[in-house]
Amino acid sequence: MDETGYSWPEAILTLAVMMLIFGTLLPVSFRMMTGLESKKHEMYAKETMYQGALLHRSYGLQSGYRKEDGVLFSWTVERTAICVSYMREQETRTVCSS
């Protein structure tokens, strides 16, 4: 057996293993990161809703806004509900209390 370096089959096997690892782990980690960011923005929207409810009850304010992580969350009181709107990935999302 020749011990001078890597053989061609070993190099192909190493390349195949690396492609398998990066081909499966990178998409999964990217999907997980975007999912966590979406949940974080939804959490900020619900915090804004809570703060808006406190401001409405204490001072009678009907609307307001808050900026968190570069995203503008705006809240409004609509009859018996408080709705929070924010931009996410070029799309306006709205979360309302029931």
N, C-alpha and C. Protein backbone atom coordinates (compact mmCIF):
# COMPACT_ATOMS: atom_id res chain seq x y z
N MET A 1 0.84 -1.17 0.00
CA MET A 1 0.00 0.00 0.00
C MET A 1 0.89 1.23 0.00
N ASP A 2 0.49 2.25 -0.76
CA ASP A 2 1.28 3.46 -0.90
C ASP A 2 0.88 4.45 0.19
N GLU A 3 1.81 4.92 1.01
CA GLU A 3 1.57 5.83 2.13
C GLU A 3 2.08 7.24 1.85
N THR A 4 2.11 7.66 0.61
CA THR A 4 2.68 8.97 0.29
C THR A 4 1.68 10.11 0.43
N GLY A 5 0.39 9.85 0.53
CA GLY A 5 -0.61 10.92 0.64
C GLY A 5 -2.02 10.36 0.49
N TYR A 6 -2.93 11.25 0.26
CA TYR A 6 -4.33 10.84 0.09
C TYR A 6 -4.53 10.21 -1.27
N SER A 7 -5.39 9.23 -1.30
CA SER A 7 -5.71 8.60 -2.56
C SER A 7 -6.95 9.26 -3.16
N TRP A 8 -7.18 9.02 -4.43
CA TRP A 8 -8.33 9.60 -5.12
C TRP A 8 -9.66 9.20 -4.48
N PRO A 9 -9.91 7.95 -4.12
CA PRO A 9 -11.18 7.59 -3.46
C PRO A 9 -11.37 8.29 -2.11
N GLU A 10 -10.30 8.47 -1.36
CA GLU A 10 -10.42 9.18 -0.09
C GLU A 10 -10.81 10.64 -0.31
N ALA A 11 -10.25 11.27 -1.31
CA ALA A 11 -10.58 12.65 -1.62
C ALA A 11 -12.03 12.78 -2.05
N ILE A 12 -12.51 11.89 -2.88
CA ILE A 12 -13.91 11.91 -3.33
C ILE A 12 -14.84 11.65 -2.15
N LEU A 13 -14.50 10.71 -1.30
CA LEU A 13 -15.32 10.42 -0.12
C LEU A 13 -15.37 11.62 0.82
N THR A 14 -14.24 12.27 1.04
CA THR A 14 -14.20 13.48 1.88
C THR A 14 -15.07 14.58 1.29
N LEU A 15 -14.97 14.79 0.01
CA LEU A 15 -15.79 15.80 -0.66
C LEU A 15 -17.28 15.47 -0.55
N ALA A 16 -17.63 14.21 -0.72
CA ALA A 16 -19.03 13.79 -0.61
C ALA A 16 -19.58 14.01 0.80
N VAL A 17 -18.78 13.68 1.81
CA VAL A 17 -19.20 13.88 3.19
C VAL A 17 -19.37 15.36 3.49
N MET A 18 -18.44 16.19 3.04
CA MET A 18 -18.54 17.63 3.26
C MET A 18 -19.78 18.21 2.58
N MET A 19 -20.06 17.78 1.35
CA MET A 19 -21.24 18.27 0.65
C MET A 19 -22.52 17.81 1.36
N LEU A 20 -22.53 16.62 1.88
CA LEU A 20 -23.69 16.12 2.61
C LEU A 20 -23.93 16.93 3.88
N ILE A 21 -22.86 17.21 4.61
CA ILE A 21 -22.99 17.98 5.85
C ILE A 21 -23.48 19.39 5.56
N PHE A 22 -22.81 20.09 4.66
CA PHE A 22 -23.19 21.48 4.39
C PHE A 22 -24.48 21.58 3.60
N GLY A 23 -24.81 20.58 2.82
CA GLY A 23 -26.06 20.60 2.07
C GLY A 23 -27.28 20.39 2.93
N THR A 24 -27.11 19.78 4.10
CA THR A 24 -28.25 19.56 4.99
C THR A 24 -28.27 20.51 6.17
N LEU A 25 -27.10 20.83 6.73
CA LEU A 25 -27.07 21.67 7.92
C LEU A 25 -27.31 23.14 7.64
N LEU A 26 -26.80 23.68 6.56
CA LEU A 26 -26.99 25.10 6.26
C LEU A 26 -28.46 25.45 6.02
N PRO A 27 -29.19 24.72 5.21
CA PRO A 27 -30.61 25.07 5.05
C PRO A 27 -31.42 24.94 6.34
N VAL A 28 -31.10 23.93 7.14
CA VAL A 28 -31.82 23.76 8.41
C VAL A 28 -31.51 24.91 9.36
N SER A 29 -30.26 25.31 9.44
CA SER A 29 -29.91 26.41 10.35
C SER A 29 -30.49 27.73 9.85
N PHE A 30 -30.52 27.95 8.54
CA PHE A 30 -31.11 29.17 7.99
C PHE A 30 -32.60 29.22 8.29
N ARG A 31 -33.31 28.11 8.10
CA ARG A 31 -34.74 28.05 8.39
C ARG A 31 -35.01 28.28 9.88
N MET A 32 -34.15 27.73 10.73
CA MET A 32 -34.31 27.92 12.16
C MET A 32 -34.09 29.38 12.55
N MET A 33 -33.08 30.03 11.96
CA MET A 33 -32.80 31.43 12.28
C MET A 33 -33.94 32.34 11.85
N THR A 34 -34.50 32.12 10.66
CA THR A 34 -35.60 32.96 10.21
C THR A 34 -36.85 32.71 11.04
N GLY A 35 -37.06 31.48 11.47
CA GLY A 35 -38.19 31.18 12.34
C GLY A 35 -38.06 31.86 13.70
N LEU A 36 -36.86 31.85 14.26
CA LEU A 36 -36.63 32.51 15.54
C LEU A 36 -36.78 34.02 15.43
N GLU A 37 -36.33 34.59 14.32
CA GLU A 37 -36.48 36.03 14.13
C GLU A 37 -37.95 36.42 13.99
N SER A 38 -38.72 35.58 13.31
CA SER A 38 -40.15 35.84 13.17
C SER A 38 -40.85 35.78 14.53
N LYS A 39 -40.48 34.82 15.34
CA LYS A 39 -41.07 34.70 16.68
C LYS A 39 -40.65 35.87 17.57
N LYS A 40 -39.42 36.36 17.39
CA LYS A 40 -38.95 37.51 18.17
C LYS A 40 -39.75 38.75 17.82
N HIS A 41 -40.01 38.96 16.53
CA HIS A 41 -40.81 40.11 16.13
C HIS A 41 -42.25 39.99 16.63
N GLU A 42 -42.78 38.79 16.63
CA GLU A 42 -44.13 38.60 17.16
C GLU A 42 -44.16 38.88 18.67
N MET A 43 -43.10 38.51 19.37
CA MET A 43 -43.01 38.80 20.80
C MET A 43 -42.95 40.31 21.03
N TYR A 44 -42.16 41.04 20.22
CA TYR A 44 -42.10 42.49 20.34
C TYR A 44 -43.47 43.11 20.06
N ALA A 45 -44.21 42.56 19.10
CA ALA A 45 -45.54 43.07 18.78
C ALA A 45 -46.47 42.88 19.98
N LYS A 46 -46.38 41.76 20.65
CA LYS A 46 -47.24 41.52 21.81
C LYS A 46 -46.83 42.38 23.00
N GLU A 47 -45.52 42.64 23.15
CA GLU A 47 -45.08 43.58 24.18
C GLU A 47 -45.62 44.97 23.90
N THR A 48 -45.57 45.38 22.63
CA THR A 48 -46.09 46.68 22.23
C THR A 48 -47.58 46.76 22.49
N MET A 49 -48.30 45.67 22.22
CA MET A 49 -49.73 45.61 22.49
C MET A 49 -50.00 45.81 23.99
N TYR A 50 -49.23 45.17 24.82
CA TYR A 50 -49.39 45.31 26.27
C TYR A 50 -49.11 46.74 26.72
N GLN A 51 -48.01 47.31 26.21
CA GLN A 51 -47.68 48.69 26.58
C GLN A 51 -48.74 49.65 26.07
N GLY A 52 -49.28 49.39 24.88
CA GLY A 52 -50.36 50.21 24.35
C GLY A 52 -51.61 50.13 25.20
N ALA A 53 -51.91 48.94 25.70
CA ALA A 53 -53.07 48.77 26.58
C ALA A 53 -52.88 49.56 27.88
N LEU A 54 -51.67 49.53 28.41
CA LEU A 54 -51.40 50.31 29.63
C LEU A 54 -51.53 51.80 29.37
N LEU A 55 -50.99 52.28 28.25
CA LEU A 55 -51.09 53.71 27.92
C LEU A 55 -52.53 54.12 27.62
N HIS A 56 -53.28 53.25 26.99
CA HIS A 56 -54.69 53.55 26.70
C HIS A 56 -55.49 53.63 28.00
N ARG A 57 -55.25 52.69 28.87
CA ARG A 57 -56.01 52.66 30.14
C ARG A 57 -55.59 53.81 31.06
N SER A 58 -54.31 54.13 31.09
CA SER A 58 -53.83 55.17 32.00
C SER A 58 -54.06 56.58 31.49
N TYR A 59 -53.80 56.81 30.20
CA TYR A 59 -53.82 58.17 29.66
C TYR A 59 -54.85 58.39 28.57
N GLY A 60 -55.54 57.34 28.16
CA GLY A 60 -56.55 57.48 27.12
C GLY A 60 -56.00 57.60 25.71
N LEU A 61 -54.74 57.25 25.51
CA LEU A 61 -54.15 57.34 24.17
C LEU A 61 -54.80 56.31 23.25
N GLN A 62 -54.99 56.69 21.99
CA GLN A 62 -55.63 55.80 21.01
C GLN A 62 -54.63 55.12 20.07
N SER A 63 -53.41 55.65 20.00
CA SER A 63 -52.41 55.05 19.12
C SER A 63 -51.01 55.46 19.58
N GLY A 64 -50.04 54.75 19.04
CA GLY A 64 -48.65 55.05 19.37
C GLY A 64 -47.74 54.15 18.57
N TYR A 65 -46.46 54.28 18.81
CA TYR A 65 -45.50 53.44 18.11
C TYR A 65 -44.29 53.19 19.00
N ARG A 66 -43.51 52.20 18.58
CA ARG A 66 -42.30 51.81 19.29
C ARG A 66 -41.34 51.21 18.27
N LYS A 67 -40.09 51.55 18.39
CA LYS A 67 -39.08 51.00 17.48
C LYS A 67 -38.19 50.05 18.26
N GLU A 68 -38.09 48.83 17.75
CA GLU A 68 -37.29 47.79 18.40
C GLU A 68 -36.53 47.02 17.33
N ASP A 69 -35.23 46.90 17.48
CA ASP A 69 -34.37 46.19 16.52
C ASP A 69 -34.52 46.72 15.10
N GLY A 70 -34.74 48.02 14.95
CA GLY A 70 -34.87 48.62 13.63
C GLY A 70 -36.23 48.44 12.98
N VAL A 71 -37.18 47.86 13.70
CA VAL A 71 -38.53 47.63 13.16
C VAL A 71 -39.49 48.54 13.91
N LEU A 72 -40.36 49.23 13.17
CA LEU A 72 -41.33 50.14 13.77
C LEU A 72 -42.64 49.38 14.02
N PHE A 73 -43.03 49.31 15.28
CA PHE A 73 -44.28 48.67 15.69
C PHE A 73 -45.27 49.79 16.04
N SER A 74 -46.40 49.85 15.33
CA SER A 74 -47.39 50.87 15.63
C SER A 74 -48.66 50.20 16.14
N TRP A 75 -49.22 50.77 17.20
CA TRP A 75 -50.42 50.20 17.81
C TRP A 75 -51.57 51.20 17.73
N THR A 76 -52.77 50.66 17.59
CA THR A 76 -53.99 51.47 17.57
C THR A 76 -55.07 50.74 18.35
N VAL A 77 -55.96 51.52 18.95
CA VAL A 77 -57.12 50.95 19.66
C VAL A 77 -58.28 50.97 18.69
N GLU A 78 -58.88 49.81 18.47
CA GLU A 78 -60.04 49.68 17.58
C GLU A 78 -61.16 49.02 18.36
N ARG A 79 -62.15 49.82 18.74
CA ARG A 79 -63.29 49.38 19.57
C ARG A 79 -62.80 48.70 20.84
N THR A 80 -62.87 47.38 20.90
CA THR A 80 -62.47 46.67 22.13
C THR A 80 -61.15 45.93 21.96
N ALA A 81 -60.47 46.13 20.83
CA ALA A 81 -59.22 45.41 20.57
C ALA A 81 -58.08 46.40 20.35
N ILE A 82 -56.88 45.94 20.58
CA ILE A 82 -55.67 46.69 20.28
C ILE A 82 -54.93 45.92 19.20
N CYS A 83 -54.60 46.63 18.11
CA CYS A 83 -53.89 46.00 16.99
C CYS A 83 -52.51 46.61 16.84
N VAL A 84 -51.53 45.77 16.55
CA VAL A 84 -50.16 46.19 16.33
C VAL A 84 -49.77 45.79 14.91
N SER A 85 -49.23 46.75 14.16
CA SER A 85 -48.79 46.49 12.78
C SER A 85 -47.29 46.74 12.69
N TYR A 86 -46.62 45.93 11.87
CA TYR A 86 -45.19 46.10 11.64
C TYR A 86 -44.82 45.49 10.30
N MET A 87 -43.71 45.97 9.75
CA MET A 87 -43.22 45.47 8.46
C MET A 87 -42.24 44.33 8.69
N ARG A 88 -42.43 43.26 7.94
CA ARG A 88 -41.54 42.10 8.01
C ARG A 88 -41.38 41.54 6.61
N GLU A 89 -40.16 41.57 6.08
CA GLU A 89 -39.87 41.04 4.75
C GLU A 89 -40.78 41.65 3.70
N GLN A 90 -40.85 42.98 3.64
CA GLN A 90 -41.63 43.73 2.65
C GLN A 90 -43.13 43.43 2.74
N GLU A 91 -43.61 43.01 3.89
CA GLU A 91 -45.01 42.67 4.09
C GLU A 91 -45.45 43.25 5.42
N THR A 92 -46.63 43.87 5.45
CA THR A 92 -47.16 44.40 6.69
C THR A 92 -47.89 43.30 7.43
N ARG A 93 -47.52 43.10 8.66
CA ARG A 93 -48.16 42.08 9.49
C ARG A 93 -48.92 42.77 10.61
N THR A 94 -50.05 42.22 10.99
CA THR A 94 -50.89 42.80 12.03
C THR A 94 -51.24 41.73 13.04
N VAL A 95 -51.10 42.09 14.31
CA VAL A 95 -51.48 41.21 15.42
C VAL A 95 -52.50 41.96 16.25
N CYS A 96 -53.67 41.36 16.49
CA CYS A 96 -54.72 42.01 17.26
C CYS A 96 -55.07 41.18 18.49
N SER A 97 -55.47 41.89 19.53
CA SER A 97 -55.95 41.20 20.74
C SER A 97 -57.40 40.84 20.53
N SER A 98 -57.84 39.87 21.28
CA SER A 98 -59.25 39.47 21.12
C SER A 98 -60.06 39.85 22.32
